[in-house]
C-alpha cells in the first residue's frame, strides 16, 4: 500500500512539473509580447494551479518566467510537500 501511494504521489508530481513547463512557456511568450505582468501572472496560474508562485522579469533582451508549485500527496497532509518548478525565457519584442 505504501509503495502504491508513493507511486501515485510521483505521478502527481510529474504531472505538476509538466503543467509548470507549459505554463512557464505560455507566460514567457505573453510577457515577451508586452502584456501587463499582472495579466501574465494570472494567465500562468490559469494554465497550472491557482496557488502557483510566479516570477516574471522582463528585460530589454530577454523575458524570463519561473513557475513553482508545492505538491502534496492526496490525503497525506502529514507528508511534506514536494516543490516542482520550471522556467522559460523568450526574446523581448520591442
Protein backbone atom coordinates (compact mmCIF):
# COMPACT_ATOMS: atom_id res chain seq x y z
CA UNK A 1 0.00 0.00 0.00
CA UNK A 2 2.82 2.39 0.84
CA UNK A 3 4.56 1.67 -2.46
CA UNK A 4 1.35 2.34 -4.38
CA UNK A 5 0.83 5.62 -2.53
CA UNK A 6 4.41 6.68 -3.28
CA UNK A 7 3.99 5.78 -6.96
CA UNK A 8 0.78 7.82 -7.21
CA UNK A 9 2.46 10.77 -5.49
CA UNK A 10 5.30 10.56 -8.00
CA UNK A 11 2.87 10.55 -10.93
CA UNK A 12 1.11 13.56 -9.41
CA UNK A 13 4.45 15.41 -9.07
CA UNK A 14 5.43 14.64 -12.68
CA UNK A 15 2.06 15.91 -13.88
CA UNK A 16 2.52 19.13 -11.92
CA UNK A 17 6.02 19.51 -13.39
CA UNK A 18 4.65 19.24 -16.93
CA UNK A 19 1.95 21.80 -16.11
CA UNK A 20 4.66 24.17 -14.84
CA UNK A 21 6.69 23.75 -18.03
CA UNK A 22 3.69 24.55 -20.23
CA UNK A 23 2.58 27.46 -18.04
CA UNK A 24 6.09 28.98 -18.00
CA UNK A 25 6.25 28.83 -21.79
CA UNK A 26 2.85 30.47 -22.17
CA UNK A 27 3.79 33.17 -19.69
CA UNK A 28 7.17 33.88 -21.31
CA UNK A 29 5.56 34.33 -24.73
CA UNK A 30 2.86 36.63 -23.33
CA UNK A 31 5.31 38.71 -21.30
CA UNK A 32 7.74 39.00 -24.22
CA UNK A 33 4.91 40.41 -26.36
CA UNK A 34 4.47 43.18 -23.80
CA UNK A 35 1.32 42.10 -21.99
CA UNK A 36 0.95 43.59 -18.47
CA UNK A 37 2.77 41.49 -15.88
CA UNK A 38 -0.32 41.09 -13.68
CA UNK A 39 -2.17 39.57 -16.63
CA UNK A 40 0.80 37.32 -17.37
CA UNK A 41 0.76 36.01 -13.79
CA UNK A 42 -2.97 35.28 -14.00
CA UNK A 43 -2.51 33.59 -17.38
CA UNK A 44 0.20 31.36 -15.91
CA UNK A 45 -1.93 30.47 -12.88
CA UNK A 46 -4.84 29.60 -15.14
CA UNK A 47 -2.55 27.20 -17.05
CA UNK A 48 -1.41 25.43 -13.88
CA UNK A 49 -2.65 25.84 -10.28
CA UNK A 50 -4.15 28.88 -8.65
CA UNK A 51 -1.62 28.70 -5.80
CA UNK A 52 1.38 28.65 -8.14
CA UNK A 53 4.22 31.01 -7.37
CA UNK A 54 5.04 33.00 -10.50
CA UNK A 55 8.08 35.22 -11.05
CA UNK A 56 8.25 37.34 -14.19
CA UNK A 57 11.17 39.54 -15.22
CA UNK A 58 11.20 41.49 -18.44
CA UNK A 59 14.48 42.92 -19.67
CA UNK A 60 15.40 44.70 -22.88
CA UNK A 61 16.74 41.48 -24.44
CA UNK A 62 15.09 38.52 -22.66
CA UNK A 63 11.95 37.87 -20.67
CA UNK A 64 12.02 35.15 -18.00
CA UNK A 65 9.18 33.36 -16.23
CA UNK A 66 9.57 30.90 -13.36
CA UNK A 67 6.66 28.85 -12.02
CA UNK A 68 6.72 26.75 -8.84
CA UNK A 69 4.06 24.68 -7.09
CA UNK A 70 4.05 22.52 -3.98
CA UNK A 71 2.68 19.01 -4.49
CA UNK A 72 1.23 17.11 -1.56
CA UNK A 73 0.04 13.53 -1.69
CA UNK A 74 -3.72 13.13 -1.84
CA UNK A 75 -4.99 12.66 1.70
CA UNK A 76 -1.49 12.81 3.10
CA UNK A 77 -1.29 16.14 4.89
CA UNK A 78 1.25 14.64 7.29
CA UNK A 79 3.79 14.21 4.49
CA UNK A 80 5.97 17.09 3.34
CA UNK A 81 5.24 18.81 0.05
CA UNK A 82 7.46 18.37 -2.98
CA UNK A 83 8.23 21.62 -4.81
CA UNK A 84 8.35 21.36 -8.58
CA UNK A 85 9.26 24.26 -10.81
CA UNK A 86 10.02 25.22 -14.37
CA UNK A 87 11.28 28.28 -16.15
CA UNK A 88 11.15 29.62 -19.65
CA UNK A 89 12.51 32.62 -21.48
CA UNK A 90 11.78 34.39 -24.72
CA UNK A 91 13.29 37.27 -26.67
CA UNK A 92 11.63 40.51 -25.63
CA UNK A 93 9.78 42.11 -28.52
CA UNK A 94 10.26 45.84 -28.92
